[in-house]
């Protein structure tokens, strides 16, 4: 519910900002998303600093965690919101490798302090669910909702 609500707030904020600028959003598909990591019932967002990133990476070491992405779509006053979950397993991480990874700056601005599509992927030994959800966009859910709720195929959207 947390990531779903964040996605809704982001989408409504975009519409409000566009309308303030005099832009008609009635035929605009507004897509918004937010992602968090959950480990041992604790929500882990983006790291505050390098120490926080290091501690998070080491906390996730040798364990499973869940990545949740909330999704909101708004078009012609019709709204949809939902979420997707993907489970990720980390290898046992060497503290020195975690330090070098964190010092690279890559974990900053990333939920869970890693980017699976970049060097952070080296920590991953298993994935259950939509890989794109871990990157931060639940593509499978998006395509399904677009088709079922809005009767639009992703292939009709043109350039994304």
Protein backbone atom coordinates (compact mmCIF):
# COMPACT_ATOMS: atom_id res chain seq x y z
CA UNK A 1 0.00 0.00 0.00
CA UNK A 2 2.91 2.35 0.78
CA UNK A 3 4.46 2.25 -2.72
CA UNK A 4 1.03 2.33 -4.35
CA UNK A 5 0.14 5.52 -2.46
CA UNK A 6 3.50 7.11 -3.34
CA UNK A 7 2.92 6.33 -7.02
CA UNK A 8 -0.57 7.89 -6.87
CA UNK A 9 0.78 11.05 -5.22
CA UNK A 10 3.50 11.38 -7.88
CA UNK A 11 1.00 11.00 -10.72
CA UNK A 12 -1.45 13.51 -9.28
CA UNK A 13 1.41 15.94 -8.69
CA UNK A 14 2.41 15.72 -12.37
CA UNK A 15 -1.15 16.44 -13.48
CA UNK A 16 -1.41 19.36 -11.07
CA UNK A 17 1.89 20.84 -12.28
CA UNK A 18 0.92 20.47 -15.96
CA UNK A 19 -2.50 22.00 -15.37
CA UNK A 20 -0.89 24.96 -13.53
CA UNK A 21 1.12 25.57 -16.70
CA UNK A 22 -2.10 25.61 -18.72
CA UNK A 23 -1.51 22.20 -20.31
CA UNK A 24 -4.63 20.14 -20.94
CA UNK A 25 -4.00 16.65 -19.55
CA UNK A 26 -7.35 15.12 -20.49
CA UNK A 27 -5.77 12.92 -23.19
CA UNK A 28 -2.44 12.46 -21.41
CA UNK A 29 -1.49 9.09 -19.98
CA UNK A 30 0.34 9.84 -16.74
CA UNK A 31 2.45 6.94 -15.51
CA UNK A 32 4.10 7.07 -12.11
CA UNK A 33 5.98 4.59 -10.00
CA UNK A 34 7.85 4.25 -6.73
CA UNK A 35 10.03 1.41 -5.47
CA UNK A 36 11.21 0.17 -2.08
CA UNK A 37 13.03 -2.87 -0.75
CA UNK A 38 11.65 -4.81 2.21
CA UNK A 39 13.90 -7.01 4.33
CA UNK A 40 12.81 -8.62 7.60
CA UNK A 41 9.61 -6.52 7.59
CA UNK A 42 11.65 -3.29 7.33
CA UNK A 43 11.15 -0.84 4.46
CA UNK A 44 14.46 0.19 2.92
CA UNK A 45 14.38 3.19 0.62
CA UNK A 46 17.26 5.15 -0.83
CA UNK A 47 20.40 5.49 1.30
CA UNK A 48 20.98 8.71 3.23
CA UNK A 49 24.75 8.53 2.83
CA UNK A 50 27.61 6.11 2.04
CA UNK A 51 27.52 4.54 5.51
CA UNK A 52 23.80 3.88 5.19
CA UNK A 53 24.37 2.32 1.75
CA UNK A 54 27.14 0.07 3.09
CA UNK A 55 25.03 -1.05 6.05
CA UNK A 56 22.11 -1.82 3.76
CA UNK A 57 24.19 -3.87 1.32
CA UNK A 58 25.64 -5.86 4.21
CA UNK A 59 22.19 -6.32 5.76
CA UNK A 60 20.94 -7.84 2.49
CA UNK A 61 23.99 -10.11 2.22
CA UNK A 62 23.25 -13.86 2.10
CA UNK A 63 19.47 -13.41 2.30
CA UNK A 64 16.25 -12.92 0.37
CA UNK A 65 14.43 -9.59 0.21
CA UNK A 66 11.41 -8.24 -1.65
CA UNK A 67 11.31 -5.35 -4.09
CA UNK A 68 7.93 -3.62 -4.30
CA UNK A 69 7.05 -1.12 -7.00
CA UNK A 70 3.83 0.86 -6.85
CA UNK A 71 2.28 1.82 -10.19
CA UNK A 72 -0.27 4.52 -10.97
CA UNK A 73 -1.86 5.25 -14.36
CA UNK A 74 -4.20 8.15 -14.97
CA UNK A 75 -5.97 8.87 -18.27
CA UNK A 76 -9.16 10.85 -18.92
CA UNK A 77 -10.07 10.93 -15.22
CA UNK A 78 -9.73 7.15 -15.03
CA UNK A 79 -7.23 5.99 -12.43
CA UNK A 80 -5.53 2.71 -11.68
CA UNK A 81 -3.07 1.90 -8.95
CA UNK A 82 -1.41 -1.31 -7.90
CA UNK A 83 1.92 -2.87 -7.10
CA UNK A 84 4.21 -5.73 -7.99
CA UNK A 85 6.61 -7.75 -5.84
CA UNK A 86 9.83 -9.43 -6.93
CA UNK A 87 11.97 -11.50 -4.60
CA UNK A 88 15.77 -11.19 -4.78
CA UNK A 89 18.47 -13.37 -3.21
CA UNK A 90 21.89 -11.90 -2.45
CA UNK A 91 25.09 -13.92 -2.18
CA UNK A 92 27.24 -13.62 0.93
CA UNK A 93 28.97 -10.31 0.28
CA UNK A 94 32.59 -9.70 1.16
CA UNK A 95 32.75 -6.52 3.30
CA UNK A 96 35.65 -5.16 1.22
CA UNK A 97 33.70 -5.63 -2.02
CA UNK A 98 30.70 -3.90 -0.43
CA UNK A 99 32.95 -0.98 0.55
CA UNK A 100 34.36 -0.63 -2.98
CA UNK A 101 30.85 -0.90 -4.46
CA UNK A 102 29.44 1.77 -2.18
CA UNK A 103 32.40 4.09 -2.80
CA UNK A 104 31.66 3.85 -6.54
CA UNK A 105 28.54 5.91 -5.84
CA UNK A 106 26.28 3.50 -7.72
CA UNK A 107 24.04 2.69 -4.72
CA UNK A 108 23.16 6.32 -4.09
CA UNK A 109 19.60 7.17 -5.08
CA UNK A 110 18.68 3.48 -5.37
CA UNK A 111 16.12 1.71 -3.19
CA UNK A 112 17.95 -0.98 -1.27
CA UNK A 113 21.30 0.65 -2.11
CA UNK A 114 21.93 -1.34 -5.28
CA UNK A 115 21.32 -1.30 -9.01
CA UNK A 116 20.70 -4.84 -10.26
CA UNK A 117 21.12 -3.74 -13.90
CA UNK A 118 24.60 -2.45 -13.14
CA UNK A 119 27.47 -3.65 -10.93
CA UNK A 120 25.05 -4.38 -8.07
CA UNK A 121 23.81 -7.32 -10.12
CA UNK A 122 26.98 -9.17 -9.07
CA UNK A 123 25.45 -9.56 -5.60
CA UNK A 124 22.36 -11.33 -6.92
CA UNK A 125 22.11 -15.12 -6.99
CA UNK A 126 18.36 -15.47 -7.54
CA UNK A 127 15.26 -13.62 -8.74
CA UNK A 128 11.61 -14.64 -8.46
CA UNK A 129 9.32 -12.37 -10.48
CA UNK A 130 9.62 -9.50 -12.93
CA UNK A 131 13.25 -8.37 -13.31
CA UNK A 132 12.09 -4.94 -14.52
CA UNK A 133 10.32 -4.42 -11.22
CA UNK A 134 13.71 -4.54 -9.47
CA UNK A 135 15.06 -1.91 -11.85
CA UNK A 136 12.14 0.26 -10.71
CA UNK A 137 9.36 -0.21 -13.25
CA UNK A 138 6.91 -3.14 -13.07
CA UNK A 139 6.73 -3.64 -16.84
CA UNK A 140 4.67 -6.85 -16.76
CA UNK A 141 2.05 -5.25 -14.50
CA UNK A 142 2.09 -2.07 -16.61
CA UNK A 143 1.40 -3.94 -19.86
CA UNK A 144 -1.38 -5.98 -18.25
CA UNK A 145 -3.09 -2.94 -16.70
CA UNK A 146 -2.71 -0.85 -19.84
CA UNK A 147 -4.50 -3.53 -21.84
CA UNK A 148 -7.12 -4.65 -19.29
CA UNK A 149 -8.02 -1.31 -17.68
CA UNK A 150 -7.41 1.16 -20.51
CA UNK A 151 -7.78 -1.07 -23.59
CA UNK A 152 -4.40 0.07 -24.92
CA UNK A 153 -1.57 -2.14 -26.13
CA UNK A 154 1.93 -1.03 -25.19
CA UNK A 155 2.72 -1.17 -28.90
CA UNK A 156 0.20 1.62 -29.53
CA UNK A 157 2.05 4.08 -27.31
CA UNK A 158 4.72 5.00 -29.83
CA UNK A 159 8.12 6.02 -28.50
CA UNK A 160 8.51 5.60 -24.76
